[in-house]
């Protein structure tokens, strides 16, 4: 029997142990209706004006709810943006752990890692304004999505090369998927396809 490879001890993404973000808890019918109205108003206003130009007061007015209700439910604009992203994050996670390769299981780790980056870039390109609103004061690092992304990337790095410091390198790689960097690249004329190619080249340099 071959000896077990040595290297950093990594957590394993167990499909039955997640979700990426918790499902919305049961709520009263009126609260559920208000939530739908608030999220719809926020998404429309963010897309139309940019998150930095939209106040919580404007969202409350557009949704027809009280400002106090909005703050109690979502806390602040970043919390509201995270609520908008949660469903999309759950779909991405499901593809990562149960979907078809190369994003899902069954492909070599480098191919899975490249597919993951391309998926995140595509999602970020579509929802960049909301992601920017959610990424305030290091909020992205405290959100459950980042913990799962980090675990997934570190797991794939460890599979590809057990000698790597996968825990630290995962953070460095994920820094390349920050929404502010993606926005900067877009402003320089580097579209999502070219970003994906650059991500693939980076992954191949690492592993």
Protein backbone atom coordinates (compact mmCIF):
# COMPACT_ATOMS: atom_id res chain seq x y z
CA UNK A 1 0.00 0.00 0.00
CA UNK A 2 1.34 3.43 -0.90
CA UNK A 3 2.09 5.71 2.07
CA UNK A 4 -0.35 8.49 2.80
CA UNK A 5 0.81 11.81 1.30
CA UNK A 6 2.05 14.36 3.75
CA UNK A 7 1.05 18.00 3.74
CA UNK A 8 -1.35 20.44 5.30
CA UNK A 9 -4.45 18.97 6.90
CA UNK A 10 -7.41 20.33 4.97
CA UNK A 11 -11.12 20.32 5.68
CA UNK A 12 -13.19 18.36 3.20
CA UNK A 13 -16.23 19.83 1.51
CA UNK A 14 -18.90 17.31 2.46
CA UNK A 15 -22.01 17.71 0.28
CA UNK A 16 -24.19 16.67 3.22
CA UNK A 17 -22.52 19.01 5.71
CA UNK A 18 -23.09 22.33 3.97
CA UNK A 19 -25.13 24.58 2.77
CA UNK A 20 -23.14 27.55 1.72
CA UNK A 21 -25.66 29.88 3.25
CA UNK A 22 -28.53 28.83 5.44
CA UNK A 23 -31.96 28.63 3.92
CA UNK A 24 -34.29 31.48 4.82
CA UNK A 25 -36.03 30.53 8.09
CA UNK A 26 -39.81 30.20 8.22
CA UNK A 27 -41.50 33.56 8.59
CA UNK A 28 -44.96 35.06 8.71
CA UNK A 29 -46.70 35.57 5.39
CA UNK A 30 -46.59 39.35 5.68
CA UNK A 31 -42.89 39.28 6.59
CA UNK A 32 -42.19 37.05 3.60
CA UNK A 33 -44.05 39.42 1.28
CA UNK A 34 -42.10 42.38 2.67
CA UNK A 35 -38.83 40.53 2.18
CA UNK A 36 -39.64 39.86 -1.48
CA UNK A 37 -40.60 43.50 -2.03
CA UNK A 38 -37.45 44.80 -0.32
CA UNK A 39 -35.11 42.52 -2.28
CA UNK A 40 -36.80 43.39 -5.57
CA UNK A 41 -36.59 47.12 -4.82
CA UNK A 42 -32.94 46.87 -3.75
CA UNK A 43 -31.91 44.90 -6.83
CA UNK A 44 -33.64 47.37 -9.15
CA UNK A 45 -32.19 50.45 -7.43
CA UNK A 46 -28.69 48.97 -7.21
CA UNK A 47 -28.76 48.14 -10.92
CA UNK A 48 -30.14 51.54 -11.91
CA UNK A 49 -28.05 53.87 -9.75
CA UNK A 50 -25.17 51.84 -8.31
CA UNK A 51 -25.15 50.66 -4.69
CA UNK A 52 -23.08 53.60 -3.46
CA UNK A 53 -25.85 56.00 -4.57
CA UNK A 54 -28.74 54.10 -2.99
CA UNK A 55 -29.68 54.69 0.65
CA UNK A 56 -31.55 52.32 2.92
CA UNK A 57 -34.24 55.02 3.14
CA UNK A 58 -34.70 54.95 -0.65
CA UNK A 59 -35.02 51.17 -0.63
CA UNK A 60 -37.58 51.26 2.16
CA UNK A 61 -39.62 53.86 0.29
CA UNK A 62 -39.49 51.91 -2.99
CA UNK A 63 -40.54 48.71 -1.21
CA UNK A 64 -43.30 50.43 0.77
CA UNK A 65 -41.97 49.32 4.16
CA UNK A 66 -40.83 51.26 7.20
CA UNK A 67 -37.18 52.22 7.50
CA UNK A 68 -37.01 50.63 10.94
CA UNK A 69 -38.30 47.34 9.54
CA UNK A 70 -35.60 47.38 6.89
CA UNK A 71 -32.78 48.04 9.37
CA UNK A 72 -34.05 45.40 11.82
CA UNK A 73 -34.28 42.78 9.09
CA UNK A 74 -31.06 43.42 7.16
CA UNK A 75 -28.88 45.60 9.41
CA UNK A 76 -27.29 47.74 6.71
CA UNK A 77 -26.78 47.99 2.96
CA UNK A 78 -24.11 45.28 2.98
CA UNK A 79 -26.46 42.92 4.83
CA UNK A 80 -29.15 43.60 2.26
CA UNK A 81 -26.73 42.95 -0.58
CA UNK A 82 -25.72 39.64 1.01
CA UNK A 83 -29.38 38.62 1.18
CA UNK A 84 -29.64 39.24 -2.56
CA UNK A 85 -26.59 37.06 -3.19
CA UNK A 86 -27.49 34.11 -0.95
CA UNK A 87 -29.70 32.26 -3.44
CA UNK A 88 -27.08 32.65 -6.17
CA UNK A 89 -24.38 31.39 -3.81
CA UNK A 90 -26.43 28.30 -2.96
CA UNK A 91 -26.79 27.49 -6.68
CA UNK A 92 -23.04 27.86 -7.22
CA UNK A 93 -22.26 25.63 -4.26
CA UNK A 94 -24.64 22.96 -5.49
CA UNK A 95 -22.83 22.95 -8.84
CA UNK A 96 -19.47 22.73 -7.05
CA UNK A 97 -20.34 19.68 -4.96
CA UNK A 98 -23.03 17.88 -6.97
CA UNK A 99 -22.82 19.24 -10.52
CA UNK A 100 -21.19 17.94 -13.65
CA UNK A 101 -17.41 18.15 -14.09
CA UNK A 102 -15.24 20.11 -14.40
CA UNK A 103 -16.93 22.41 -11.86
CA UNK A 104 -18.37 19.43 -10.03
CA UNK A 105 -16.64 16.19 -8.95
CA UNK A 106 -15.00 13.91 -11.48
CA UNK A 107 -12.37 16.17 -13.07
CA UNK A 108 -8.70 16.66 -12.08
CA UNK A 109 -8.21 19.29 -9.36
CA UNK A 110 -6.60 21.86 -11.67
CA UNK A 111 -9.53 21.66 -14.10
CA UNK A 112 -12.02 21.97 -11.25
CA UNK A 113 -10.18 24.98 -9.86
CA UNK A 114 -10.13 26.68 -13.26
CA UNK A 115 -13.84 25.97 -13.72
CA UNK A 116 -14.58 27.36 -10.25
CA UNK A 117 -12.78 30.62 -11.01
CA UNK A 118 -14.56 31.02 -14.33
CA UNK A 119 -17.92 30.42 -12.64
CA UNK A 120 -17.21 33.02 -9.96
CA UNK A 121 -16.03 35.53 -12.56
CA UNK A 122 -19.17 35.01 -14.64
CA UNK A 123 -21.36 35.46 -11.58
CA UNK A 124 -19.40 38.53 -10.51
CA UNK A 125 -19.73 40.06 -13.95
CA UNK A 126 -23.51 39.68 -13.80
CA UNK A 127 -23.97 40.83 -10.20
CA UNK A 128 -20.98 43.13 -9.79
CA UNK A 129 -22.95 46.07 -8.35
CA UNK A 130 -24.51 43.90 -5.64
CA UNK A 131 -21.18 42.26 -4.83
CA UNK A 132 -19.57 45.66 -4.41
CA UNK A 133 -22.32 46.69 -2.00
CA UNK A 134 -21.83 43.51 0.00
CA UNK A 135 -18.03 43.83 0.21
CA UNK A 136 -17.77 46.54 2.88
CA UNK A 137 -15.23 46.55 5.70
CA UNK A 138 -14.02 43.02 5.01
CA UNK A 139 -17.58 41.67 5.02
CA UNK A 140 -16.75 39.13 2.31
CA UNK A 141 -14.40 37.31 4.68
CA UNK A 142 -17.09 36.97 7.34
CA UNK A 143 -19.76 35.66 5.01
CA UNK A 144 -20.29 31.85 4.95
CA UNK A 145 -19.72 31.89 1.19
CA UNK A 146 -16.06 32.85 1.61
CA UNK A 147 -15.46 30.05 4.12
CA UNK A 148 -16.83 27.48 1.68
CA UNK A 149 -14.94 28.94 -1.28
CA UNK A 150 -11.73 28.85 0.76
CA UNK A 151 -12.30 25.25 1.84
CA UNK A 152 -13.06 24.20 -1.73
CA UNK A 153 -10.01 25.91 -3.22
CA UNK A 154 -7.69 24.65 -0.46
CA UNK A 155 -9.01 21.12 -0.91
CA UNK A 156 -8.29 21.18 -4.65
CA UNK A 157 -4.82 22.67 -4.10
CA UNK A 158 -4.05 19.94 -1.57
CA UNK A 159 -5.22 17.23 -3.95
CA UNK A 160 -3.05 18.62 -6.73
CA UNK A 161 0.10 19.06 -4.61
CA UNK A 162 0.10 18.00 -0.94
CA UNK A 163 3.37 19.91 -0.38
CA UNK A 164 1.67 23.28 -0.97
CA UNK A 165 0.59 25.54 1.87
CA UNK A 166 -2.91 25.23 0.50
CA UNK A 167 -4.55 27.13 3.35
CA UNK A 168 -2.60 30.33 2.67
CA UNK A 169 -2.44 29.98 -1.11
CA UNK A 170 -6.22 29.62 -1.26
CA UNK A 171 -6.57 33.11 0.22
CA UNK A 172 -4.10 34.55 -2.28
CA UNK A 173 -5.95 32.96 -5.19
CA UNK A 174 -9.34 34.13 -3.94
CA UNK A 175 -8.00 37.67 -3.74
CA UNK A 176 -7.95 37.53 -7.53
CA UNK A 177 -11.75 37.09 -7.51
CA UNK A 178 -12.53 40.19 -5.46
CA UNK A 179 -15.40 42.22 -6.93
CA UNK A 180 -13.44 45.49 -6.76
CA UNK A 181 -10.59 43.94 -8.78
CA UNK A 182 -13.05 42.50 -11.30
CA UNK A 183 -14.62 45.96 -11.65
CA UNK A 184 -11.18 47.51 -12.14
CA UNK A 185 -10.35 44.98 -14.85
CA UNK A 186 -13.65 45.61 -16.59
CA UNK A 187 -12.94 49.35 -16.56
CA UNK A 188 -9.61 48.62 -18.23
CA UNK A 189 -11.40 46.72 -20.98
CA UNK A 190 -10.47 43.24 -19.77
CA UNK A 191 -13.68 41.27 -20.21
CA UNK A 192 -14.80 38.21 -18.26
CA UNK A 193 -13.47 35.76 -20.87
CA UNK A 194 -9.99 37.29 -20.71
CA UNK A 195 -10.16 37.33 -16.92
CA UNK A 196 -11.02 33.63 -16.99
CA UNK A 197 -8.04 32.90 -19.22
CA UNK A 198 -5.78 34.80 -16.81
CA UNK A 199 -7.22 32.85 -13.87
CA UNK A 200 -6.53 29.57 -15.70
CA UNK A 201 -2.93 30.62 -16.38
CA UNK A 202 -2.47 31.53 -12.71
CA UNK A 203 -3.84 28.19 -11.52
CA UNK A 204 -1.54 26.30 -13.88
CA UNK A 205 1.45 28.27 -12.55
CA UNK A 206 0.56 27.30 -8.99
CA UNK A 207 -0.22 23.62 -9.60
